[in-house]
PDB file of N, CA and C in Angstrom:
ATOM      1  N   MET A   1     146.126 162.399 251.829  1.00  0.00           N
ATOM      2  CA  MET A   1     144.878 161.758 252.206  1.00  0.00           C
ATOM      3  C   MET A   1     145.044 160.244 252.017  1.00  0.00           C
ATOM      4  N   LYS A   2     144.500 159.481 252.903  1.00  0.00           N
ATOM      5  CA  LYS A   2     144.563 158.015 252.835  1.00  0.00           C
ATOM      6  C   LYS A   2     143.377 157.496 252.050  1.00  0.00           C
ATOM      7  N   ARG A   3     143.668 156.584 251.131  1.00  0.00           N
ATOM      8  CA  ARG A   3     142.607 155.959 250.347  1.00  0.00           C
ATOM      9  C   ARG A   3     142.031 154.795 251.136  1.00  0.00           C
ATOM     10  N   LEU A   4     140.694 154.667 251.127  1.00  0.00           N
ATOM     11  CA  LEU A   4     140.005 153.644 251.901  1.00  0.00           C
ATOM     12  C   LEU A   4     138.925 153.020 251.037  1.00  0.00           C
ATOM     13  N   GLN A   5     138.827 151.729 251.081  1.00  0.00           N
ATOM     14  CA  GLN A   5     137.777 151.023 250.339  1.00  0.00           C
ATOM     15  C   GLN A   5     136.741 150.515 251.328  1.00  0.00           C
ATOM     16  N   ILE A   6     135.452 150.805 251.055  1.00  0.00           N
ATOM     17  CA  ILE A   6     134.377 150.349 251.927  1.00  0.00           C
ATOM     18  C   ILE A   6     133.315 149.642 251.102  1.00  0.00           C
ATOM     19  N   SER A   7     132.489 148.864 251.759  1.00  0.00           N
ATOM     20  CA  SER A   7     131.370 148.184 251.097  1.00  0.00           C
ATOM     21  C   SER A   7     130.074 148.745 251.659  1.00  0.00           C
ATOM     22  N   LEU A   8     129.126 149.030 250.773  1.00  0.00           N
ATOM     23  CA  LEU A   8     127.824 149.562 251.161  1.00  0.00           C
ATOM     24  C   LEU A   8     126.728 148.709 250.550  1.00  0.00           C
ATOM     25  N   GLU A   9     125.603 148.659 251.224  1.00  0.00           N
ATOM     26  CA  GLU A   9     124.439 148.020 250.643  1.00  0.00           C
ATOM     27  C   GLU A   9     124.011 148.858 249.437  1.00  0.00           C
ATOM     28  N   PRO A  10     123.462 148.208 248.394  1.00  0.00           N
ATOM     29  CA  PRO A  10     123.090 148.946 247.178  1.00  0.00           C
ATOM     30  C   PRO A  10     122.184 150.149 247.453  1.00  0.00           C
ATOM     31  N   GLU A  11     121.204 150.000 248.338  1.00  0.00           N
ATOM     32  CA  GLU A  11     120.294 151.118 248.601  1.00  0.00           C
ATOM     33  C   GLU A  11     121.000 152.284 249.298  1.00  0.00           C
ATOM     34  N   LEU A  12     122.006 151.995 250.136  1.00  0.00           N
ATOM     35  CA  LEU A  12     122.774 153.055 250.777  1.00  0.00           C
ATOM     36  C   LEU A  12     123.657 153.766 249.756  1.00  0.00           C
ATOM     37  N   ASP A  13     124.200 153.014 248.824  1.00  0.00           N
ATOM     38  CA  ASP A  13     125.008 153.611 247.759  1.00  0.00           C
ATOM     39  C   ASP A  13     124.162 154.557 246.907  1.00  0.00           C
ATOM     40  N   VAL A  14     122.910 154.153 246.600  1.00  0.00           N
ATOM     41  CA  VAL A  14     122.004 155.006 245.827  1.00  0.00           C
ATOM     42  C   VAL A  14     121.712 156.289 246.609  1.00  0.00           C
ATOM     43  N   ALA A  15     121.424 156.156 247.891  1.00  0.00           N
ATOM     44  CA  ALA A  15     121.140 157.325 248.717  1.00  0.00           C
ATOM     45  C   ALA A  15     122.367 158.232 248.814  1.00  0.00           C
ATOM     46  N   LEU A  16     123.522 157.647 248.929  1.00  0.00           N
ATOM     47  CA  LEU A  16     124.765 158.409 248.984  1.00  0.00           C
ATOM     48  C   LEU A  16     124.970 159.178 247.685  1.00  0.00           C
ATOM     49  N   GLY A  17     124.715 158.514 246.567  1.00  0.00           N
ATOM     50  CA  GLY A  17     124.836 159.165 245.264  1.00  0.00           C
ATOM     51  C   GLY A  17     123.875 160.330 245.117  1.00  0.00           C
ATOM     52  N   ARG A  18     122.645 160.140 245.582  1.00  0.00           N
ATOM     53  CA  ARG A  18     121.650 161.223 245.513  1.00  0.00           C
ATOM     54  C   ARG A  18     122.103 162.425 246.343  1.00  0.00           C
ATOM     55  N   GLU A  19     122.581 162.157 247.535  1.00  0.00           N
ATOM     56  CA  GLU A  19     123.033 163.237 248.419  1.00  0.00           C
ATOM     57  C   GLU A  19     124.234 163.967 247.820  1.00  0.00           C
ATOM     58  N   ALA A  20     125.156 163.220 247.262  1.00  0.00           N
ATOM     59  CA  ALA A  20     126.338 163.829 246.643  1.00  0.00           C
ATOM     60  C   ALA A  20     125.928 164.707 245.462  1.00  0.00           C
ATOM     61  N   GLU A  21     125.013 164.223 244.651  1.00  0.00           N
ATOM     62  CA  GLU A  21     124.547 165.000 243.505  1.00  0.00           C
ATOM     63  C   GLU A  21     123.803 166.258 243.971  1.00  0.00           C
ATOM     64  N   ARG A  22     122.981 166.110 244.967  1.00  0.00           N
ATOM     65  CA  ARG A  22     122.218 167.237 245.493  1.00  0.00           C
ATOM     66  C   ARG A  22     123.143 168.349 246.006  1.00  0.00           C
ATOM     67  N   GLU A  23     124.257 167.949 246.665  1.00  0.00           N
ATOM     68  CA  GLU A  23     125.186 168.934 247.219  1.00  0.00           C
ATOM     69  C   GLU A  23     126.278 169.341 246.244  1.00  0.00           C
ATOM     70  N   GLY A  24     126.373 168.622 245.125  1.00  0.00           N
ATOM     71  CA  GLY A  24     127.396 168.957 244.132  1.00  0.00           C
ATOM     72  C   GLY A  24     128.799 168.571 244.549  1.00  0.00           C
ATOM     73  N   VAL A  25     128.897 167.488 245.312  1.00  0.00           N
ATOM     74  CA  VAL A  25     130.202 166.990 245.760  1.00  0.00           C
ATOM     75  C   VAL A  25     130.282 165.498 245.464  1.00  0.00           C
ATOM     76  N   SER A  26     131.444 164.919 245.715  1.00  0.00           N
ATOM     77  CA  SER A  26     131.627 163.489 245.478  1.00  0.00           C
ATOM     78  C   SER A  26     131.027 162.664 246.615  1.00  0.00           C
ATOM     79  N   LYS A  27     130.825 161.393 246.336  1.00  0.00           N
ATOM     80  CA  LYS A  27     130.391 160.472 247.388  1.00  0.00           C
ATOM     81  C   LYS A  27     131.429 160.445 248.507  1.00  0.00           C
ATOM     82  N   ALA A  28     132.691 160.469 248.119  1.00  0.00           N
ATOM     83  CA  ALA A  28     133.765 160.436 249.118  1.00  0.00           C
ATOM     84  C   ALA A  28     133.663 161.621 250.071  1.00  0.00           C
ATOM     85  N   GLU A  29     133.310 162.794 249.545  1.00  0.00           N
ATOM     86  CA  GLU A  29     133.176 163.970 250.409  1.00  0.00           C
ATOM     87  C   GLU A  29     132.023 163.804 251.385  1.00  0.00           C
ATOM     88  N   ILE A  30     130.927 163.223 250.938  1.00  0.00           N
ATOM     89  CA  ILE A  30     129.797 162.967 251.841  1.00  0.00           C
ATOM     90  C   ILE A  30     130.228 162.010 252.948  1.00  0.00           C
ATOM     91  N   VAL A  31     130.956 160.962 252.589  1.00  0.00           N
ATOM     92  CA  VAL A  31     131.440 159.997 253.586  1.00  0.00           C
ATOM     93  C   VAL A  31     132.398 160.683 254.556  1.00  0.00           C
ATOM     94  N   ARG A  32     133.332 161.500 254.034  1.00  0.00           N
ATOM     95  CA  ARG A  32     134.275 162.212 254.920  1.00  0.00           C
ATOM     96  C   ARG A  32     133.526 163.094 255.922  1.00  0.00           C
ATOM     97  N   ARG A  33     132.526 163.819 255.447  1.00  0.00           N
ATOM     98  CA  ARG A  33     131.751 164.688 256.338  1.00  0.00           C
ATOM     99  C   ARG A  33     131.042 163.872 257.419  1.00  0.00           C
ATOM    100  N   ALA A  34     130.472 162.744 257.025  1.00  0.00           N
ATOM    101  CA  ALA A  34     129.754 161.907 257.993  1.00  0.00           C
ATOM    102  C   ALA A  34     130.717 161.345 259.037  1.00  0.00           C
ATOM    103  N   VAL A  35     131.877 160.904 258.591  1.00  0.00           N
ATOM    104  CA  VAL A  35     132.866 160.351 259.530  1.00  0.00           C
ATOM    105  C   VAL A  35     133.370 161.456 260.449  1.00  0.00           C
ATOM    106  N   ARG A  36     133.665 162.619 259.889  1.00  0.00           N
ATOM    107  CA  ARG A  36     134.139 163.755 260.686  1.00  0.00           C
ATOM    108  C   ARG A  36     133.123 164.140 261.763  1.00  0.00           C
ATOM    109  N   ALA A  37     131.841 164.095 261.411  1.00  0.00           N
ATOM    110  CA  ALA A  37     130.794 164.450 262.368  1.00  0.00           C
ATOM    111  C   ALA A  37     130.644 163.398 263.463  1.00  0.00           C
ATOM    112  N   ARG A  38     130.999 162.169 263.162  1.00  0.00           N
ATOM    113  CA  ARG A  38     130.797 161.055 264.092  1.00  0.00           C
ATOM    114  C   ARG A  38     132.035 160.738 264.927  1.00  0.00           C
ATOM    115  N   VAL A  39     133.220 160.870 264.329  1.00  0.00           N
ATOM    116  CA  VAL A  39     134.463 160.434 264.963  1.00  0.00           C
ATOM    117  C   VAL A  39     135.354 161.649 265.218  1.00  0.00           C
ATOM    118  N   GLU A  40     135.773 161.780 266.460  1.00  0.00           N
ATOM    119  CA  GLU A  40     136.663 162.884 266.810  1.00  0.00           C
ATOM    120  C   GLU A  40     138.103 162.399 266.720  1.00  0.00           C
ATOM    121  N   PRO A  41     138.935 163.035 265.890  1.00  0.00           N
ATOM    122  CA  PRO A  41     140.322 162.575 265.771  1.00  0.00           C
ATOM    123  C   PRO A  41     141.085 162.806 267.076  1.00  0.00           C
ATOM    124  N   LEU A  42     142.106 162.004 267.297  1.00  0.00           N
ATOM    125  CA  LEU A  42     142.948 162.155 268.484  1.00  0.00           C
ATOM    126  C   LEU A  42     143.814 163.398 268.338  1.00  0.00           C
ATOM    127  N   PRO A  43     144.072 164.089 269.440  1.00  0.00           N
ATOM    128  CA  PRO A  43     144.962 165.254 269.359  1.00  0.00           C
ATOM    129  C   PRO A  43     146.402 164.784 269.147  1.00  0.00           C
ATOM    130  N   PRO A  44     147.252 165.673 268.643  1.00  0.00           N
ATOM    131  CA  PRO A  44     148.676 165.305 268.554  1.00  0.00           C
ATOM    132  C   PRO A  44     149.204 164.949 269.938  1.00  0.00           C
ATOM    133  N   LEU A  45     150.179 164.054 269.991  1.00  0.00           N
ATOM    134  CA  LEU A  45     150.708 163.592 271.280  1.00  0.00           C
ATOM    135  C   LEU A  45     151.171 164.737 272.172  1.00  0.00           C
ATOM    136  N   ASP A  46     151.812 165.743 271.601  1.00  0.00           N
ATOM    137  CA  ASP A  46     152.322 166.815 272.454  1.00  0.00           C
ATOM    138  C   ASP A  46     151.205 167.671 273.051  1.00  0.00           C
ATOM    139  N   GLU A  47     149.961 167.509 272.578  1.00  0.00           N
ATOM    140  CA  GLU A  47     148.824 168.210 273.167  1.00  0.00           C
ATOM    141  C   GLU A  47     148.043 167.316 274.140  1.00  0.00           C
ATOM    142  N   ASP A  48     148.406 166.055 274.226  1.00  0.00           N
ATOM    143  CA  ASP A  48     147.733 165.117 275.117  1.00  0.00           C
ATOM    144  C   ASP A  48     148.230 165.352 276.543  1.00  0.00           C
ATOM    145  N   PRO A  49     147.331 165.642 277.486  1.00  0.00           N
ATOM    146  CA  PRO A  49     147.786 165.929 278.857  1.00  0.00           C
ATOM    147  C   PRO A  49     148.531 164.771 279.499  1.00  0.00           C
ATOM    148  N   PHE A  50     148.265 163.554 279.096  1.00  0.00           N
ATOM    149  CA  PHE A  50     148.962 162.409 279.685  1.00  0.00           C
ATOM    150  C   PHE A  50     150.376 162.256 279.138  1.00  0.00           C
ATOM    151  N   PHE A  51     150.637 162.807 277.957  1.00  0.00           N
ATOM    152  CA  PHE A  51     151.960 162.676 277.339  1.00  0.00           C
ATOM    153  C   PHE A  51     153.037 163.280 278.238  1.00  0.00           C
ATOM    154  N   SER A  52     152.724 164.408 278.875  1.00  0.00           N
ATOM    155  CA  SER A  52     153.710 165.065 279.735  1.00  0.00           C
ATOM    156  C   SER A  52     154.011 164.239 280.985  1.00  0.00           C
ATOM    157  N   MET A  53     153.171 163.263 281.287  1.00  0.00           N
ATOM    158  CA  MET A  53     153.368 162.454 282.487  1.00  0.00           C
ATOM    159  C   MET A  53     154.293 161.269 282.248  1.00  0.00           C
ATOM    160  N   PHE A  54     154.598 160.953 280.992  1.00  0.00           N
ATOM    161  CA  PHE A  54     155.481 159.824 280.724  1.00  0.00           C
ATOM    162  C   PHE A  54     156.814 160.042 281.422  1.00  0.00           C
ATOM    163  N   GLY A  55     157.215 159.094 282.203  1.00  0.00           N
ATOM    164  CA  GLY A  55     158.470 159.178 282.925  1.00  0.00           C
ATOM    165  C   GLY A  55     158.396 159.969 284.220  1.00  0.00           C
ATOM    166  N   ALA A  56     157.230 160.534 284.524  1.00  0.00           N
ATOM    167  CA  ALA A  56     157.102 161.373 285.717  1.00  0.00           C
ATOM    168  C   ALA A  56     157.310 160.580 287.000  1.00  0.00           C
ATOM    169  N   LEU A  57     156.988 159.317 286.998  1.00  0.00           N
ATOM    170  CA  LEU A  57     157.121 158.498 288.204  1.00  0.00           C
ATOM    171  C   LEU A  57     158.512 157.907 288.342  1.00  0.00           C
ATOM    172  N   GLY A  58     159.354 158.237 287.397  1.00  0.00           N
ATOM    173  CA  GLY A  58     160.713 157.732 287.453  1.00  0.00           C
ATOM    174  C   GLY A  58     160.778 156.299 286.941  1.00  0.00           C
ATOM    175  N   GLY A  59     161.911 155.766 286.997  1.00  0.00           N
ATOM    176  CA  GLY A  59     162.096 154.414 286.518  1.00  0.00           C
ATOM    177  C   GLY A  59     163.462 153.941 286.942  1.00  0.00           C
ATOM    178  N   PRO A  60     163.878 152.816 286.409  1.00  0.00           N
ATOM    179  CA  PRO A  60     165.188 152.292 286.806  1.00  0.00           C
ATOM    180  C   PRO A  60     166.302 153.205 286.305  1.00  0.00           C
ATOM    181  N   ASP A  61     167.307 153.342 287.128  1.00  0.00           N
ATOM    182  CA  ASP A  61     168.488 154.083 286.691  1.00  0.00           C
ATOM    183  C   ASP A  61     169.351 153.121 285.895  1.00  0.00           C
ATOM    184  N   LEU A  62     169.517 153.430 284.620  1.00  0.00           N
ATOM    185  CA  LEU A  62     170.308 152.557 283.760  1.00  0.00           C
ATOM    186  C   LEU A  62     171.780 152.890 283.913  1.00  0.00           C
ATOM    187  N   ARG A  63     172.575 151.856 283.989  1.00  0.00           N
ATOM    188  CA  ARG A  63     174.023 152.025 284.020  1.00  0.00           C
ATOM    189  C   ARG A  63     174.517 152.142 282.580  1.00  0.00           C
ATOM    190  N   PRO A  64     175.679 152.748 282.362  1.00  0.00           N
ATOM    191  CA  PRO A  64     176.209 152.833 280.989  1.00  0.00           C
ATOM    192  C   PRO A  64     176.269 151.447 280.354  1.00  0.00           C
ATOM    193  N   GLY A  65     175.794 151.342 279.144  1.00  0.00           N
ATOM    194  CA  GLY A  65     175.803 150.077 278.432  1.00  0.00           C
ATOM    195  C   GLY A  65     174.612 149.190 278.726  1.00  0.00           C
ATOM    196  N   GLU A  66     173.770 149.578 279.664  1.00  0.00           N
ATOM    197  CA  GLU A  66     172.603 148.782 280.030  1.00  0.00           C
ATOM    198  C   GLU A  66     171.389 149.300 279.272  1.00  0.00           C
ATOM    199  N   SER A  67     170.581 148.405 278.767  1.00  0.00           N
ATOM    200  CA  SER A  67     169.378 148.824 278.054  1.00  0.00           C
ATOM    201  C   SER A  67     168.155 148.555 278.929  1.00  0.00           C
ATOM    202  N   ILE A  68     167.062 149.168 278.571  1.00  0.00           N
ATOM    203  CA  ILE A  68     165.815 148.936 279.313  1.00  0.00           C
ATOM    204  C   ILE A  68     165.423 147.459 279.231  1.00  0.00           C
ATOM    205  N   ASP A  69     165.779 146.789 278.124  1.00  0.00           N
ATOM    206  CA  ASP A  69     165.485 145.353 278.004  1.00  0.00           C
ATOM    207  C   ASP A  69     166.198 144.565 279.097  1.00  0.00           C
ATOM    208  N   ASP A  70     167.428 144.978 279.439  1.00  0.00           N
ATOM    209  CA  ASP A  70     168.152 144.292 280.517  1.00  0.00           C
ATOM    210  C   ASP A  70     167.406 144.435 281.835  1.00  0.00           C
ATOM    211  N   VAL A  71     166.832 145.614 282.054  1.00  0.00           N
ATOM    212  CA  VAL A  71     166.117 145.867 283.304  1.00  0.00           C
ATOM    213  C   VAL A  71     164.812 145.085 283.336  1.00  0.00           C
ATOM    214  N   VAL A  72     164.089 145.085 282.216  1.00  0.00           N
ATOM    215  CA  VAL A  72     162.778 144.439 282.164  1.00  0.00           C
ATOM    216  C   VAL A  72     162.904 142.922 282.093  1.00  0.00           C
ATOM    217  N   TYR A  73     163.767 142.436 281.196  1.00  0.00           N
ATOM    218  CA  TYR A  73     163.836 140.994 280.935  1.00  0.00           C
ATOM    219  C   TYR A  73     165.027 140.303 281.582  1.00  0.00           C
ATOM    220  N   GLY A  74     165.957 141.073 282.131  1.00  0.00           N
ATOM    221  CA  GLY A  74     167.152 140.489 282.724  1.00  0.00           C
ATOM    222  C   GLY A  74     168.287 140.493 281.725  1.00  0.00           C
ATOM    223  N   PRO A  75     169.489 140.317 282.212  1.00  0.00           N
ATOM    224  CA  PRO A  75     170.653 140.325 281.329  1.00  0.00           C
ATOM    225  C   PRO A  75     170.611 139.173 280.335  1.00  0.00           C
ATOM    226  N   LYS A  76     171.221 139.398 279.178  1.00  0.00           N
ATOM    227  CA  LYS A  76     171.267 138.365 278.139  1.00  0.00           C
ATOM    228  C   LYS A  76     172.269 137.269 278.492  1.00  0.00           C
ATOM    229  N   ASN A  77     173.321 137.650 279.150  1.00  0.00           N
ATOM    230  CA  ASN A  77     174.380 136.707 279.482  1.00  0.00           C
ATOM    231  C   ASN A  77     174.005 135.974 280.775  1.00  0.00           C
ATOM    232  N   PRO A  78     173.857 134.652 280.736  1.00  0.00           N
ATOM    233  CA  PRO A  78     173.480 133.901 281.942  1.00  0.00           C
ATOM    234  C   PRO A  78     174.430 134.108 283.115  1.00  0.00           C
ATOM    235  N   GLU A  79     175.689 134.440 282.837  1.00  0.00           N
ATOM    236  CA  GLU A  79     176.644 134.667 283.927  1.00  0.00           C
ATOM    237  C   GLU A  79     176.290 135.920 284.727  1.00  0.00           C
ATOM    238  N   ASP A  80     175.518 136.818 284.106  1.00  0.00           N
ATOM    239  CA  ASP A  80     175.127 138.067 284.789  1.00  0.00           C
ATOM    240  C   ASP A  80     173.799 137.945 285.507  1.00  0.00           C
ATOM    241  N   TRP A  81     173.145 136.789 285.426  1.00  0.00           N
ATOM    242  CA  TRP A  81     171.838 136.624 286.068  1.00  0.00           C
ATOM    243  C   TRP A  81     171.984 136.679 287.582  1.00  0.00           C
ATOM    244  N   PRO A  82     171.001 137.251 288.263  1.00  0.00           N
ATOM    245  CA  PRO A  82     171.070 137.260 289.732  1.00  0.00           C
ATOM    246  C   PRO A  82     171.185 135.847 290.271  1.00  0.00           C
ATOM    247  N   GLY A  83     172.029 135.690 291.269  1.00  0.00           N
ATOM    248  CA  GLY A  83     172.198 134.373 291.903  1.00  0.00           C
ATOM    249  C   GLY A  83     173.223 133.491 291.220  1.00  0.00           C
ATOM    250  N   SER A  84     173.733 133.925 290.045  1.00  0.00           N
ATOM    251  CA  SER A  84     174.744 133.092 289.381  1.00  0.00           C
ATOM    252  C   SER A  84     176.083 133.335 290.081  1.00  0.00           C
ATOM    253  N   HIS A  85     176.891 132.324 290.112  1.00  0.00           N
ATOM    254  CA  HIS A  85     178.184 132.418 290.792  1.00  0.00           C
ATOM    255  C   HIS A  85     179.265 132.489 289.752  1.00  0.00           C
ATOM    256  N   SER A  86     179.931 133.645 289.689  1.00  0.00           N
ATOM    257  CA  SER A  86     180.986 133.854 288.689  1.00  0.00           C
ATOM    258  C   SER A  86     182.298 133.334 289.162  1.00  0.00           C
TER     259      SER A  86
END
């Protein structure tokens, strides 16, 4: 579990304490329940329908020794730049 520090107005803290005492749980549990009810967590990537589409449209064919950075940003060596005369 990840530890999180939050700031509350004094009257909200009192109300939170009352609710926690009434339910017999910690303030943190009340906050977790409220967040869970309000925020829907993201599914794991392998369950995301868009994840299966990564790479579906294809991309540049990399030559041996070539990295995607070479394709996106160009070769590191100025002699390999398009239009250079070797």
